[in-house]
Amino acid sequence: MIFIAPKDEIYEKVLSNIQEVRARNGRVIAIADEDDTYIDTVANHVIRVPRTAPPLTPILASIPLQLLAYYIAVERGCNVDMPRNLAKSVTVE
């Protein structure tokens, strides 16, 4: 599971969800603030992003998510320059 876990008003709820996944032997990748040290104790892997104004956090979190999706697609042997169903989504109005 991949969690976006910035320190905001729902941080405790996200931590609770991470602990539920870990209780079921799930693997956790967390995208967290660079100064968050607690997340290291509950996540298998942590990707750090700089702390910023709350409205900008989704933009910063999307960068590692895009890179993760790209590298997973490359590892799977998918053609990242020709995604499936592109023509359908572009031509359907």
C-alpha atoms as a PDB file:
ATOM      1  CA  MET A   1       0.000   0.000   0.000  1.00  0.00           C
ATOM      2  CA  ILE A   2       1.119   3.521  -0.722  1.00  0.00           C
ATOM      3  CA  PHE A   3       0.111   6.200   1.763  1.00  0.00           C
ATOM      4  CA  ILE A   4       0.402   9.962   1.458  1.00  0.00           C
ATOM      5  CA  ALA A   5       1.037  10.994   5.046  1.00  0.00           C
ATOM      6  CA  PRO A   6       1.840  14.677   5.516  1.00  0.00           C
ATOM      7  CA  LYS A   7       1.517  16.039   9.045  1.00  0.00           C
ATOM      8  CA  ASP A   8      -1.909  17.605   8.749  1.00  0.00           C
ATOM      9  CA  GLU A   9      -5.272  17.307  10.490  1.00  0.00           C
ATOM     10  CA  ILE A  10      -5.813  13.667   9.406  1.00  0.00           C
ATOM     11  CA  TYR A  11      -2.270  12.446  10.128  1.00  0.00           C
ATOM     12  CA  GLU A  12      -3.364  10.324  13.109  1.00  0.00           C
ATOM     13  CA  LYS A  13      -6.048   8.617  11.012  1.00  0.00           C
ATOM     14  CA  VAL A  14      -3.520   7.826   8.273  1.00  0.00           C
ATOM     15  CA  LEU A  15      -1.184   6.341  10.892  1.00  0.00           C
ATOM     16  CA  SER A  16      -4.044   4.204  12.160  1.00  0.00           C
ATOM     17  CA  ASN A  17      -4.695   2.937   8.629  1.00  0.00           C
ATOM     18  CA  ILE A  18      -0.990   2.181   8.157  1.00  0.00           C
ATOM     19  CA  GLN A  19      -0.968   0.167  11.380  1.00  0.00           C
ATOM     20  CA  GLU A  20      -4.003  -1.825  10.195  1.00  0.00           C
ATOM     21  CA  VAL A  21      -2.201  -2.725   6.975  1.00  0.00           C
ATOM     22  CA  ARG A  22       0.929  -3.698   8.911  1.00  0.00           C
ATOM     23  CA  ALA A  23      -1.164  -5.858  11.289  1.00  0.00           C
ATOM     24  CA  ARG A  24      -2.229  -7.885   8.228  1.00  0.00           C
ATOM     25  CA  ASN A  25       1.418  -8.257   7.125  1.00  0.00           C
ATOM     26  CA  GLY A  26       1.056  -5.682   4.364  1.00  0.00           C
ATOM     27  CA  ARG A  27       3.986  -3.720   3.008  1.00  0.00           C
ATOM     28  CA  VAL A  28       3.775   0.052   3.325  1.00  0.00           C
ATOM     29  CA  ILE A  29       5.352   2.825   1.280  1.00  0.00           C
ATOM     30  CA  ALA A  30       4.728   6.240   2.816  1.00  0.00           C
ATOM     31  CA  ILE A  31       5.158   9.657   1.264  1.00  0.00           C
ATOM     32  CA  ALA A  32       5.822  11.884   4.261  1.00  0.00           C
ATOM     33  CA  ASP A  33       7.221  15.228   5.309  1.00  0.00           C
ATOM     34  CA  GLU A  34      10.997  15.430   5.493  1.00  0.00           C
ATOM     35  CA  ASP A  35      10.953  16.112   9.238  1.00  0.00           C
ATOM     36  CA  ASP A  36       8.625  13.233  10.181  1.00  0.00           C
ATOM     37  CA  THR A  37      10.645  10.705  12.165  1.00  0.00           C
ATOM     38  CA  TYR A  38       7.768   8.610  13.522  1.00  0.00           C
ATOM     39  CA  ILE A  39       6.728   7.362  10.089  1.00  0.00           C
ATOM     40  CA  ASP A  40       9.982   5.372   9.892  1.00  0.00           C
ATOM     41  CA  THR A  41       8.729   3.096  12.670  1.00  0.00           C
ATOM     42  CA  VAL A  42       5.494   2.113  10.897  1.00  0.00           C
ATOM     43  CA  ALA A  43       6.359   2.130   7.174  1.00  0.00           C
ATOM     44  CA  ASN A  44       8.627  -0.241   5.272  1.00  0.00           C
ATOM     45  CA  HIS A  45       9.808   2.502   2.926  1.00  0.00           C
ATOM     46  CA  VAL A  46       9.522   6.273   3.227  1.00  0.00           C
ATOM     47  CA  ILE A  47       9.748   8.831   0.436  1.00  0.00           C
ATOM     48  CA  ARG A  48      10.403  12.288   1.815  1.00  0.00           C
ATOM     49  CA  VAL A  49       8.969  15.525   0.432  1.00  0.00           C
ATOM     50  CA  PRO A  50       9.670  19.044   1.681  1.00  0.00           C
ATOM     51  CA  ARG A  51       7.168  20.567   4.076  1.00  0.00           C
ATOM     52  CA  THR A  52       5.145  23.310   2.414  1.00  0.00           C
ATOM     53  CA  ALA A  53       1.866  25.194   2.631  1.00  0.00           C
ATOM     54  CA  PRO A  54      -1.078  22.764   2.909  1.00  0.00           C
ATOM     55  CA  PRO A  55      -2.603  23.710  -0.480  1.00  0.00           C
ATOM     56  CA  LEU A  56       0.690  22.802  -2.211  1.00  0.00           C
ATOM     57  CA  THR A  57       1.189  19.429  -0.510  1.00  0.00           C
ATOM     58  CA  PRO A  58      -0.773  17.419  -3.145  1.00  0.00           C
ATOM     59  CA  ILE A  59       1.442  18.846  -5.890  1.00  0.00           C
ATOM     60  CA  LEU A  60       4.623  17.821  -4.068  1.00  0.00           C
ATOM     61  CA  ALA A  61       3.234  14.376  -3.246  1.00  0.00           C
ATOM     62  CA  SER A  62       2.261  13.723  -6.866  1.00  0.00           C
ATOM     63  CA  ILE A  63       5.875  13.972  -8.069  1.00  0.00           C
ATOM     64  CA  PRO A  64       7.146  10.814  -6.326  1.00  0.00           C
ATOM     65  CA  LEU A  65       3.887   9.039  -7.200  1.00  0.00           C
ATOM     66  CA  GLN A  66       4.410   9.788 -10.903  1.00  0.00           C
ATOM     67  CA  LEU A  67       8.021   8.605 -10.742  1.00  0.00           C
ATOM     68  CA  LEU A  68       6.996   5.451  -8.886  1.00  0.00           C
ATOM     69  CA  ALA A  69       4.338   4.699 -11.506  1.00  0.00           C
ATOM     70  CA  TYR A  70       6.852   5.283 -14.299  1.00  0.00           C
ATOM     71  CA  TYR A  71       9.508   2.969 -12.854  1.00  0.00           C
ATOM     72  CA  ILE A  72       6.970   0.252 -12.033  1.00  0.00           C
ATOM     73  CA  ALA A  73       5.718   0.386 -15.629  1.00  0.00           C
ATOM     74  CA  VAL A  74       9.281   0.137 -16.950  1.00  0.00           C
ATOM     75  CA  GLU A  75       9.987  -2.856 -14.666  1.00  0.00           C
ATOM     76  CA  ARG A  76       6.810  -4.560 -15.900  1.00  0.00           C
ATOM     77  CA  GLY A  77       7.907  -4.052 -19.491  1.00  0.00           C
ATOM     78  CA  CYS A  78       5.069  -1.675 -20.364  1.00  0.00           C
ATOM     79  CA  ASN A  79       5.605   0.887 -23.093  1.00  0.00           C
ATOM     80  CA  VAL A  80       5.438   4.130 -21.110  1.00  0.00           C
ATOM     81  CA  ASP A  81       5.271   6.209 -24.309  1.00  0.00           C
ATOM     82  CA  MET A  82       2.105   4.456 -25.512  1.00  0.00           C
ATOM     83  CA  PRO A  83      -0.294   3.903 -22.603  1.00  0.00           C
ATOM     84  CA  ARG A  84      -3.259   1.600 -23.088  1.00  0.00           C
ATOM     85  CA  ASN A  85      -6.661   3.108 -23.934  1.00  0.00           C
ATOM     86  CA  LEU A  86      -5.151   6.517 -24.705  1.00  0.00           C
ATOM     87  CA  ALA A  87      -7.022   6.914 -27.991  1.00  0.00           C
ATOM     88  CA  LYS A  88     -10.307   6.043 -26.331  1.00  0.00           C
ATOM     89  CA  SER A  89      -9.886   8.612 -23.562  1.00  0.00           C
ATOM     90  CA  VAL A  90      -8.733  11.332 -25.956  1.00  0.00           C
ATOM     91  CA  THR A  91     -11.387  10.890 -28.657  1.00  0.00           C
ATOM     92  CA  VAL A  92     -14.468  10.239 -26.477  1.00  0.00           C
ATOM     93  CA  GLU A  93     -16.260  13.463 -25.615  1.00  0.00           C
END
